[in-house]
Amino acid sequence: MVGEFNTGAIEHTLLFGFDYFRYANPRLDRISLFPFVTNNIFNPVYGTVPRPERAAATPAFDSENSVEAYGIYIQDQIELADNLLLLAGIRYETVRQELVNNQTLFVPASVRTFNEAAFSPRLGVVYQPIEELSLYGSFSRSFVPNIAQTSNLEIIPPERGEQFEVGARAELLDGRVIANIAFFNLTKRNVANPDPNNTMFSGATGEQRSRGIDLDIAGEILPGLNSIANYAYSDADITEVNTGIEVNRLY
C-alpha cells in the first residue's frame, strides 16, 4: 500500500507491505559402487567394468530442505524541501527452516530445524545543490536464508549483508547527457560456498567484502546518435575465514 500526505510543509510518501516466501528442495544423489579403473585414452581396453544402470546405483544423499519466511516492511519518503529528500524504512522478517536427511550409505538420518528473525533498516538522502546535480548517500542491511548444509548436517545461518553507497547524478547539455558516479562498500557474512573437503556439502565464509566505483555516461551526443559508456572497478576479497574454507577469491 502506498499513501501520500503532508505534515505542514513536509510531504510524505508512505509505503507499507507484507510478503510470504516458501521454498522446498528435495535432493537425491546416487553413486555407483563399481571400482574405478585407470584406462589409457590412446590405448583403451573396453569392457573392463560393465556400465551400471541408474536403478543399480546406491543413494548417497537423500534430503529435503524447506524454508518458510514472513516479512513486513514500512518506508517513508520525506520531501523536506524542493532540493532535499530523505528516505527511511525498516523490514522485519522471521524465518523457519527444516532440513530432513534420510538414511543413506554415507549420511545418517537426521532432522534439523532453525528459527531466526531480524530487522533490516534502510536509510537514504538526496540533495540537489543545483537543479542539474543530485548528490546522494544510502545505507541498507539484508537478511537472506541459506539453503545449504555443512558436512556436520547443520543448517548454515542466514546470510547477512550491509551496504554503504554515495554518489552523484548530473544532467548535462540541457539534459541530453546524463552522468552517474557511485562509490560502494558491501559486506556479507555467512555466505555459502562449496566445502573443499567434501563437495556434497557447503561451508560459510566468515565475511566477504566488495567495494569500488561505478561510472556511467549516456545520452545524445549528436542529433540521432545516442551512446552509453560504463566503467566499474570492484575490489572483492574475503576479510574473515572460517576453519576449512581457506580461499583467496570470492566463489
C-alpha atoms as a PDB file:
ATOM      1  CA  MET A   1       0.000   0.000   0.000  1.00  0.00           C
ATOM      2  CA  VAL A   2       1.212   3.496  -0.876  1.00  0.00           C
ATOM      3  CA  GLY A   3      -0.157   6.727   0.558  1.00  0.00           C
ATOM      4  CA  GLU A   4       0.733  10.408   0.281  1.00  0.00           C
ATOM      5  CA  PHE A   5       0.137  13.039   2.962  1.00  0.00           C
ATOM      6  CA  ASN A   6       1.618  16.247   4.394  1.00  0.00           C
ATOM      7  CA  THR A   7       2.718  17.290   7.862  1.00  0.00           C
ATOM      8  CA  GLY A   8       2.775  21.054   7.500  1.00  0.00           C
ATOM      9  CA  ALA A   9       5.085  21.931   4.593  1.00  0.00           C
ATOM     10  CA  ILE A  10       6.712  18.472   4.588  1.00  0.00           C
ATOM     11  CA  GLU A  11       5.493  15.937   2.015  1.00  0.00           C
ATOM     12  CA  HIS A  12       5.445  12.192   2.749  1.00  0.00           C
ATOM     13  CA  THR A  13       5.108   9.127   0.544  1.00  0.00           C
ATOM     14  CA  LEU A  14       4.459   6.178   2.844  1.00  0.00           C
ATOM     15  CA  LEU A  15       4.930   2.571   1.714  1.00  0.00           C
ATOM     16  CA  PHE A  16       3.711  -0.469   3.654  1.00  0.00           C
ATOM     17  CA  GLY A  17       3.825  -4.117   2.652  1.00  0.00           C
ATOM     18  CA  PHE A  18       3.816  -7.779   3.647  1.00  0.00           C
ATOM     19  CA  ASP A  19       5.280 -10.796   1.876  1.00  0.00           C
ATOM     20  CA  TYR A  20       5.419 -14.566   2.291  1.00  0.00           C
ATOM     21  CA  PHE A  21       8.088 -16.886   0.904  1.00  0.00           C
ATOM     22  CA  ARG A  22       8.209 -20.674   0.798  1.00  0.00           C
ATOM     23  CA  TYR A  23      10.926 -22.847  -0.676  1.00  0.00           C
ATOM     24  CA  ALA A  24      11.171 -26.657  -0.824  1.00  0.00           C
ATOM     25  CA  ASN A  25      14.133 -28.505  -2.313  1.00  0.00           C
ATOM     26  CA  PRO A  26      14.145 -32.320  -2.391  1.00  0.00           C
ATOM     27  CA  ARG A  27      17.541 -33.758  -3.326  1.00  0.00           C
ATOM     28  CA  LEU A  28      18.573 -37.297  -4.259  1.00  0.00           C
ATOM     29  CA  ASP A  29      22.136 -38.167  -5.309  1.00  0.00           C
ATOM     30  CA  ARG A  30      23.155 -41.665  -6.377  1.00  0.00           C
ATOM     31  CA  ILE A  31      26.603 -43.172  -6.685  1.00  0.00           C
ATOM     32  CA  SER A  32      27.905 -46.294  -8.390  1.00  0.00           C
ATOM     33  CA  LEU A  33      29.890 -48.669  -6.202  1.00  0.00           C
ATOM     34  CA  PHE A  34      31.769 -50.174  -9.150  1.00  0.00           C
ATOM     35  CA  PRO A  35      35.542 -49.752  -8.703  1.00  0.00           C
ATOM     36  CA  PHE A  36      37.391 -47.033 -10.577  1.00  0.00           C
ATOM     37  CA  VAL A  37      39.631 -48.313 -13.353  1.00  0.00           C
ATOM     38  CA  THR A  38      42.565 -46.468 -14.899  1.00  0.00           C
ATOM     39  CA  ASN A  39      42.470 -46.581 -18.684  1.00  0.00           C
ATOM     40  CA  ASN A  40      44.849 -45.262 -21.333  1.00  0.00           C
ATOM     41  CA  ILE A  41      42.940 -42.901 -23.609  1.00  0.00           C
ATOM     42  CA  PHE A  42      45.305 -43.682 -26.510  1.00  0.00           C
ATOM     43  CA  ASN A  43      45.119 -47.461 -25.981  1.00  0.00           C
ATOM     44  CA  PRO A  44      41.757 -48.122 -24.297  1.00  0.00           C
ATOM     45  CA  VAL A  45      40.664 -51.515 -23.048  1.00  0.00           C
ATOM     46  CA  TYR A  46      36.900 -51.749 -23.415  1.00  0.00           C
ATOM     47  CA  GLY A  47      34.581 -53.780 -21.235  1.00  0.00           C
ATOM     48  CA  THR A  48      36.790 -53.630 -18.143  1.00  0.00           C
ATOM     49  CA  VAL A  49      33.849 -52.578 -15.958  1.00  0.00           C
ATOM     50  CA  PRO A  50      30.185 -53.011 -17.019  1.00  0.00           C
ATOM     51  CA  ARG A  51      28.159 -49.837 -17.317  1.00  0.00           C
ATOM     52  CA  PRO A  52      25.842 -49.651 -14.255  1.00  0.00           C
ATOM     53  CA  GLU A  53      22.177 -48.968 -14.683  1.00  0.00           C
ATOM     54  CA  ARG A  54      20.729 -45.985 -12.836  1.00  0.00           C
ATOM     55  CA  ALA A  55      18.482 -48.233 -10.742  1.00  0.00           C
ATOM     56  CA  ALA A  56      21.551 -50.145  -9.532  1.00  0.00           C
ATOM     57  CA  ALA A  57      23.239 -47.006  -8.212  1.00  0.00           C
ATOM     58  CA  THR A  58      23.194 -46.581  -4.429  1.00  0.00           C
ATOM     59  CA  PRO A  59      21.590 -43.462  -2.860  1.00  0.00           C
ATOM     60  CA  ALA A  60      24.403 -41.393  -1.374  1.00  0.00           C
ATOM     61  CA  PHE A  61      22.425 -38.302  -0.389  1.00  0.00           C
ATOM     62  CA  ASP A  62      18.677 -38.050   0.196  1.00  0.00           C
ATOM     63  CA  SER A  63      17.336 -34.891   1.818  1.00  0.00           C
ATOM     64  CA  GLU A  64      14.648 -32.210   1.749  1.00  0.00           C
ATOM     65  CA  ASN A  65      15.272 -28.616   2.746  1.00  0.00           C
ATOM     66  CA  SER A  66      12.283 -26.331   3.310  1.00  0.00           C
ATOM     67  CA  VAL A  67      12.220 -22.631   4.165  1.00  0.00           C
ATOM     68  CA  GLU A  68       9.243 -20.530   5.237  1.00  0.00           C
ATOM     69  CA  ALA A  69       9.609 -16.777   5.744  1.00  0.00           C
ATOM     70  CA  TYR A  70       7.280 -13.896   6.601  1.00  0.00           C
ATOM     71  CA  GLY A  71       8.229 -10.260   6.122  1.00  0.00           C
ATOM     72  CA  ILE A  72       6.635  -6.919   6.926  1.00  0.00           C
ATOM     73  CA  TYR A  73       8.072  -3.522   5.989  1.00  0.00           C
ATOM     74  CA  ILE A  74       7.361   0.189   6.128  1.00  0.00           C
ATOM     75  CA  GLN A  75       9.127   3.082   4.415  1.00  0.00           C
ATOM     76  CA  ASP A  76       8.676   6.856   4.382  1.00  0.00           C
ATOM     77  CA  GLN A  77       9.993   9.101   1.602  1.00  0.00           C
ATOM     78  CA  ILE A  78      10.140  12.625   3.054  1.00  0.00           C
ATOM     79  CA  GLU A  79      10.474  15.769   0.952  1.00  0.00           C
ATOM     80  CA  LEU A  80      11.836  18.352   3.383  1.00  0.00           C
ATOM     81  CA  ALA A  81      12.427  20.940   0.665  1.00  0.00           C
ATOM     82  CA  ASP A  82      12.454  21.172  -3.121  1.00  0.00           C
ATOM     83  CA  ASN A  83      16.098  20.096  -3.142  1.00  0.00           C
ATOM     84  CA  LEU A  84      16.281  17.757  -0.129  1.00  0.00           C
ATOM     85  CA  LEU A  85      14.743  14.285   0.083  1.00  0.00           C
ATOM     86  CA  LEU A  86      15.058  11.739   2.896  1.00  0.00           C
ATOM     87  CA  LEU A  87      14.142   8.059   2.918  1.00  0.00           C
ATOM     88  CA  ALA A  88      13.814   5.834   5.981  1.00  0.00           C
ATOM     89  CA  GLY A  89      12.483   2.304   6.140  1.00  0.00           C
ATOM     90  CA  ILE A  90      12.671  -0.889   8.142  1.00  0.00           C
ATOM     91  CA  ARG A  91      11.808  -4.526   7.449  1.00  0.00           C
ATOM     92  CA  TYR A  92      11.134  -7.313   9.947  1.00  0.00           C
ATOM     93  CA  GLU A  93      11.454 -10.896   8.765  1.00  0.00           C
ATOM     94  CA  THR A  94      11.079 -14.218  10.551  1.00  0.00           C
ATOM     95  CA  VAL A  95      12.374 -17.469   9.061  1.00  0.00           C
ATOM     96  CA  ARG A  96      11.680 -21.102   9.888  1.00  0.00           C
ATOM     97  CA  GLN A  97      13.798 -23.757   8.214  1.00  0.00           C
ATOM     98  CA  GLU A  98      13.685 -27.557   8.361  1.00  0.00           C
ATOM     99  CA  LEU A  99      16.290 -29.942   6.960  1.00  0.00           C
ATOM    100  CA  VAL A 100      15.492 -33.661   6.794  1.00  0.00           C
ATOM    101  CA  ASN A 101      18.220 -36.144   5.864  1.00  0.00           C
ATOM    102  CA  ASN A 102      17.103 -39.703   5.154  1.00  0.00           C
ATOM    103  CA  GLN A 103      19.425 -42.611   5.914  1.00  0.00           C
ATOM    104  CA  THR A 104      21.808 -43.368   3.035  1.00  0.00           C
ATOM    105  CA  LEU A 105      25.127 -45.103   2.550  1.00  0.00           C
ATOM    106  CA  PHE A 106      27.199 -42.049   3.570  1.00  0.00           C
ATOM    107  CA  VAL A 107      24.748 -39.841   5.516  1.00  0.00           C
ATOM    108  CA  PRO A 108      22.952 -40.795   8.750  1.00  0.00           C
ATOM    109  CA  ALA A 109      19.326 -39.883   9.310  1.00  0.00           C
ATOM    110  CA  SER A 110      18.814 -36.502  10.945  1.00  0.00           C
ATOM    111  CA  VAL A 111      16.308 -33.668  11.328  1.00  0.00           C
ATOM    112  CA  ARG A 112      17.403 -30.079  11.890  1.00  0.00           C
ATOM    113  CA  THR A 113      15.199 -27.043  12.466  1.00  0.00           C
ATOM    114  CA  PHE A 114      16.236 -23.421  12.538  1.00  0.00           C
ATOM    115  CA  ASN A 115      14.315 -20.292  13.552  1.00  0.00           C
ATOM    116  CA  GLU A 116      15.578 -16.729  13.366  1.00  0.00           C
ATOM    117  CA  ALA A 117      14.255 -13.195  12.953  1.00  0.00           C
ATOM    118  CA  ALA A 118      15.903  -9.910  12.027  1.00  0.00           C
ATOM    119  CA  PHE A 119      15.283  -6.203  11.496  1.00  0.00           C
ATOM    120  CA  SER A 120      16.761  -4.705   8.298  1.00  0.00           C
ATOM    121  CA  PRO A 121      16.900  -0.888   8.148  1.00  0.00           C
ATOM    122  CA  ARG A 122      17.246   1.291   5.060  1.00  0.00           C
ATOM    123  CA  LEU A 123      18.264   4.964   5.021  1.00  0.00           C
ATOM    124  CA  GLY A 124      18.929   7.420   2.214  1.00  0.00           C
ATOM    125  CA  VAL A 125      19.271  11.112   1.370  1.00  0.00           C
ATOM    126  CA  VAL A 126      19.270  13.079  -1.897  1.00  0.00           C
ATOM    127  CA  TYR A 127      20.411  16.713  -2.079  1.00  0.00           C
ATOM    128  CA  GLN A 128      20.372  18.977  -5.164  1.00  0.00           C
ATOM    129  CA  PRO A 129      22.723  21.979  -4.774  1.00  0.00           C
ATOM    130  CA  ILE A 130      21.630  22.972  -8.284  1.00  0.00           C
ATOM    131  CA  GLU A 131      18.835  21.604 -10.428  1.00  0.00           C
ATOM    132  CA  GLU A 132      21.194  19.705 -12.756  1.00  0.00           C
ATOM    133  CA  LEU A 133      23.141  17.933  -9.981  1.00  0.00           C
ATOM    134  CA  SER A 134      21.938  15.402  -7.381  1.00  0.00           C
ATOM    135  CA  LEU A 135      24.112  14.087  -4.551  1.00  0.00           C
ATOM    136  CA  TYR A 136      23.023  11.032  -2.597  1.00  0.00           C
ATOM    137  CA  GLY A 137      24.014   8.612   0.136  1.00  0.00           C
ATOM    138  CA  SER A 138      22.430   5.365   1.281  1.00  0.00           C
ATOM    139  CA  PHE A 139      22.766   2.603   3.850  1.00  0.00           C
ATOM    140  CA  SER A 140      20.937  -0.727   3.965  1.00  0.00           C
ATOM    141  CA  ARG A 141      21.082  -4.179   5.507  1.00  0.00           C
ATOM    142  CA  SER A 142      19.908  -7.549   4.180  1.00  0.00           C
ATOM    143  CA  PHE A 143      18.837 -10.880   5.667  1.00  0.00           C
ATOM    144  CA  VAL A 144      18.550 -13.942   3.382  1.00  0.00           C
ATOM    145  CA  PRO A 145      18.020 -17.602   4.447  1.00  0.00           C
ATOM    146  CA  ASN A 146      20.675 -20.119   3.373  1.00  0.00           C
ATOM    147  CA  ILE A 147      19.558 -23.393   1.791  1.00  0.00           C
ATOM    148  CA  ALA A 148      22.932 -25.131   2.192  1.00  0.00           C
ATOM    149  CA  GLN A 149      24.118 -27.501   4.904  1.00  0.00           C
ATOM    150  CA  THR A 150      27.526 -28.337   6.366  1.00  0.00           C
ATOM    151  CA  SER A 151      29.265 -31.707   6.470  1.00  0.00           C
ATOM    152  CA  ASN A 152      28.023 -31.969  10.081  1.00  0.00           C
ATOM    153  CA  LEU A 153      24.467 -31.828   8.673  1.00  0.00           C
ATOM    154  CA  GLU A 154      23.851 -28.426  10.242  1.00  0.00           C
ATOM    155  CA  ILE A 155      21.935 -25.594   8.555  1.00  0.00           C
ATOM    156  CA  ILE A 156      24.093 -22.583   7.658  1.00  0.00           C
ATOM    157  CA  PRO A 157      22.669 -19.472   9.404  1.00  0.00           C
ATOM    158  CA  PRO A 158      21.074 -16.794   7.178  1.00  0.00           C
ATOM    159  CA  GLU A 159      23.316 -14.593   5.066  1.00  0.00           C
ATOM    160  CA  ARG A 160      23.533 -11.020   6.350  1.00  0.00           C
ATOM    161  CA  GLY A 161      24.680  -8.039   4.320  1.00  0.00           C
ATOM    162  CA  GLU A 162      25.438  -4.369   4.851  1.00  0.00           C
ATOM    163  CA  GLN A 163      25.949  -1.730   2.158  1.00  0.00           C
ATOM    164  CA  PHE A 164      27.072   1.902   2.124  1.00  0.00           C
ATOM    165  CA  GLU A 165      26.919   3.952  -1.053  1.00  0.00           C
ATOM    166  CA  VAL A 166      27.477   7.586  -2.012  1.00  0.00           C
ATOM    167  CA  GLY A 167      27.203   9.069  -5.461  1.00  0.00           C
ATOM    168  CA  ALA A 168      26.167  11.840  -7.801  1.00  0.00           C
ATOM    169  CA  ARG A 169      23.972  12.237 -10.878  1.00  0.00           C
ATOM    170  CA  ALA A 170      24.342  15.111 -13.329  1.00  0.00           C
ATOM    171  CA  GLU A 171      22.303  16.230 -16.329  1.00  0.00           C
ATOM    172  CA  LEU A 172      24.460  17.973 -18.929  1.00  0.00           C
ATOM    173  CA  LEU A 173      23.790  19.781 -22.220  1.00  0.00           C
ATOM    174  CA  ASP A 174      20.211  20.640 -21.289  1.00  0.00           C
ATOM    175  CA  GLY A 175      19.516  17.078 -20.171  1.00  0.00           C
ATOM    176  CA  ARG A 176      20.749  15.379 -23.346  1.00  0.00           C
ATOM    177  CA  VAL A 177      23.602  13.697 -21.455  1.00  0.00           C
ATOM    178  CA  ILE A 178      23.267  12.023 -18.042  1.00  0.00           C
ATOM    179  CA  ALA A 179      26.263  11.008 -15.938  1.00  0.00           C
ATOM    180  CA  ASN A 180      26.299   8.902 -12.761  1.00  0.00           C
ATOM    181  CA  ILE A 181      29.122   8.067 -10.382  1.00  0.00           C
ATOM    182  CA  ALA A 182      28.869   5.854  -7.291  1.00  0.00           C
ATOM    183  CA  PHE A 183      31.225   4.638  -4.594  1.00  0.00           C
ATOM    184  CA  PHE A 184      30.073   1.492  -2.755  1.00  0.00           C
ATOM    185  CA  ASN A 185      31.141  -0.793   0.068  1.00  0.00           C
ATOM    186  CA  LEU A 186      29.259  -4.059   0.524  1.00  0.00           C
ATOM    187  CA  THR A 187      29.965  -6.738   3.146  1.00  0.00           C
ATOM    188  CA  LYS A 188      28.277 -10.123   3.601  1.00  0.00           C
ATOM    189  CA  ARG A 189      28.534 -12.755   6.323  1.00  0.00           C
ATOM    190  CA  ASN A 190      27.603 -16.454   6.292  1.00  0.00           C
ATOM    191  CA  VAL A 191      27.912 -16.750   2.509  1.00  0.00           C
ATOM    192  CA  ALA A 192      27.568 -20.421   1.500  1.00  0.00           C
ATOM    193  CA  ASN A 193      30.434 -21.861  -0.566  1.00  0.00           C
ATOM    194  CA  PRO A 194      31.277 -25.448  -1.604  1.00  0.00           C
ATOM    195  CA  ASP A 195      33.227 -27.312   1.063  1.00  0.00           C
ATOM    196  CA  PRO A 196      36.679 -28.033  -0.460  1.00  0.00           C
ATOM    197  CA  ASN A 197      36.905 -31.239   1.611  1.00  0.00           C
ATOM    198  CA  ASN A 198      33.516 -32.577   0.564  1.00  0.00           C
ATOM    199  CA  THR A 199      31.756 -31.002  -2.403  1.00  0.00           C
ATOM    200  CA  MET A 200      28.425 -32.623  -1.441  1.00  0.00           C
ATOM    201  CA  PHE A 201      28.238 -30.050   1.367  1.00  0.00           C
ATOM    202  CA  SER A 202      28.895 -26.362   1.959  1.00  0.00           C
ATOM    203  CA  GLY A 203      30.707 -24.101   4.364  1.00  0.00           C
ATOM    204  CA  ALA A 204      30.190 -20.453   5.264  1.00  0.00           C
ATOM    205  CA  THR A 205      32.609 -17.629   4.563  1.00  0.00           C
ATOM    206  CA  GLY A 206      33.205 -15.563   7.700  1.00  0.00           C
ATOM    207  CA  GLU A 207      32.953 -12.250   5.865  1.00  0.00           C
ATOM    208  CA  GLN A 208      33.445 -11.092   2.300  1.00  0.00           C
ATOM    209  CA  ARG A 209      33.665  -7.517   1.078  1.00  0.00           C
ATOM    210  CA  SER A 210      33.199  -5.851  -2.275  1.00  0.00           C
ATOM    211  CA  ARG A 211      33.957  -2.159  -2.738  1.00  0.00           C
ATOM    212  CA  GLY A 212      34.675   0.071  -5.663  1.00  0.00           C
ATOM    213  CA  ILE A 213      33.446   2.716  -8.062  1.00  0.00           C
ATOM    214  CA  ASP A 214      30.897   2.708 -10.880  1.00  0.00           C
ATOM    215  CA  LEU A 215      30.696   5.363 -13.623  1.00  0.00           C
ATOM    216  CA  ASP A 216      28.029   5.694 -16.346  1.00  0.00           C
ATOM    217  CA  ILE A 217      27.598   8.304 -19.089  1.00  0.00           C
ATOM    218  CA  ALA A 218      24.723   8.133 -21.563  1.00  0.00           C
ATOM    219  CA  GLY A 219      22.966  10.490 -23.922  1.00  0.00           C
ATOM    220  CA  GLU A 220      22.540  12.014 -27.361  1.00  0.00           C
ATOM    221  CA  ILE A 221      25.918  13.425 -28.354  1.00  0.00           C
ATOM    222  CA  LEU A 222      24.704  14.358 -31.871  1.00  0.00           C
ATOM    223  CA  PRO A 223      21.194  14.518 -33.337  1.00  0.00           C
ATOM    224  CA  GLY A 224      20.154  10.887 -33.921  1.00  0.00           C
ATOM    225  CA  LEU A 225      23.339   9.493 -32.340  1.00  0.00           C
ATOM    226  CA  ASN A 226      22.979   8.014 -28.842  1.00  0.00           C
ATOM    227  CA  SER A 227      25.778   6.388 -26.886  1.00  0.00           C
ATOM    228  CA  ILE A 228      26.468   4.891 -23.468  1.00  0.00           C
ATOM    229  CA  ALA A 229      29.751   4.243 -21.677  1.00  0.00           C
ATOM    230  CA  ASN A 230      30.330   2.385 -18.410  1.00  0.00           C
ATOM    231  CA  TYR A 231      33.300   1.716 -16.188  1.00  0.00           C
ATOM    232  CA  ALA A 232      33.325  -0.226 -12.943  1.00  0.00           C
ATOM    233  CA  TYR A 233      36.156  -1.158 -10.616  1.00  0.00           C
ATOM    234  CA  SER A 234      35.434  -3.700  -7.895  1.00  0.00           C
ATOM    235  CA  ASP A 235      37.856  -4.832  -5.198  1.00  0.00           C
ATOM    236  CA  ALA A 236      36.336  -8.039  -3.835  1.00  0.00           C
ATOM    237  CA  ASP A 237      38.010 -10.246  -1.261  1.00  0.00           C
ATOM    238  CA  ILE A 238      37.409 -12.371   1.815  1.00  0.00           C
ATOM    239  CA  THR A 239      38.130 -10.468   5.015  1.00  0.00           C
ATOM    240  CA  GLU A 240      37.351 -13.255   7.503  1.00  0.00           C
ATOM    241  CA  VAL A 241      37.567 -17.020   7.032  1.00  0.00           C
ATOM    242  CA  ASN A 242      36.108 -19.953   8.928  1.00  0.00           C
ATOM    243  CA  THR A 243      38.007 -23.167   9.545  1.00  0.00           C
ATOM    244  CA  GLY A 244      38.262 -25.266   6.406  1.00  0.00           C
ATOM    245  CA  ILE A 245      37.153 -22.538   3.975  1.00  0.00           C
ATOM    246  CA  GLU A 246      40.570 -21.041   3.227  1.00  0.00           C
ATOM    247  CA  VAL A 247      40.088 -19.339  -0.151  1.00  0.00           C
ATOM    248  CA  ASN A 248      41.586 -16.277  -1.782  1.00  0.00           C
ATOM    249  CA  ARG A 249      38.778 -15.051  -4.019  1.00  0.00           C
ATOM    250  CA  LEU A 250      35.008 -14.944  -3.910  1.00  0.00           C
ATOM    251  CA  TYR A 251      33.397 -18.097  -5.257  1.00  0.00           C
END
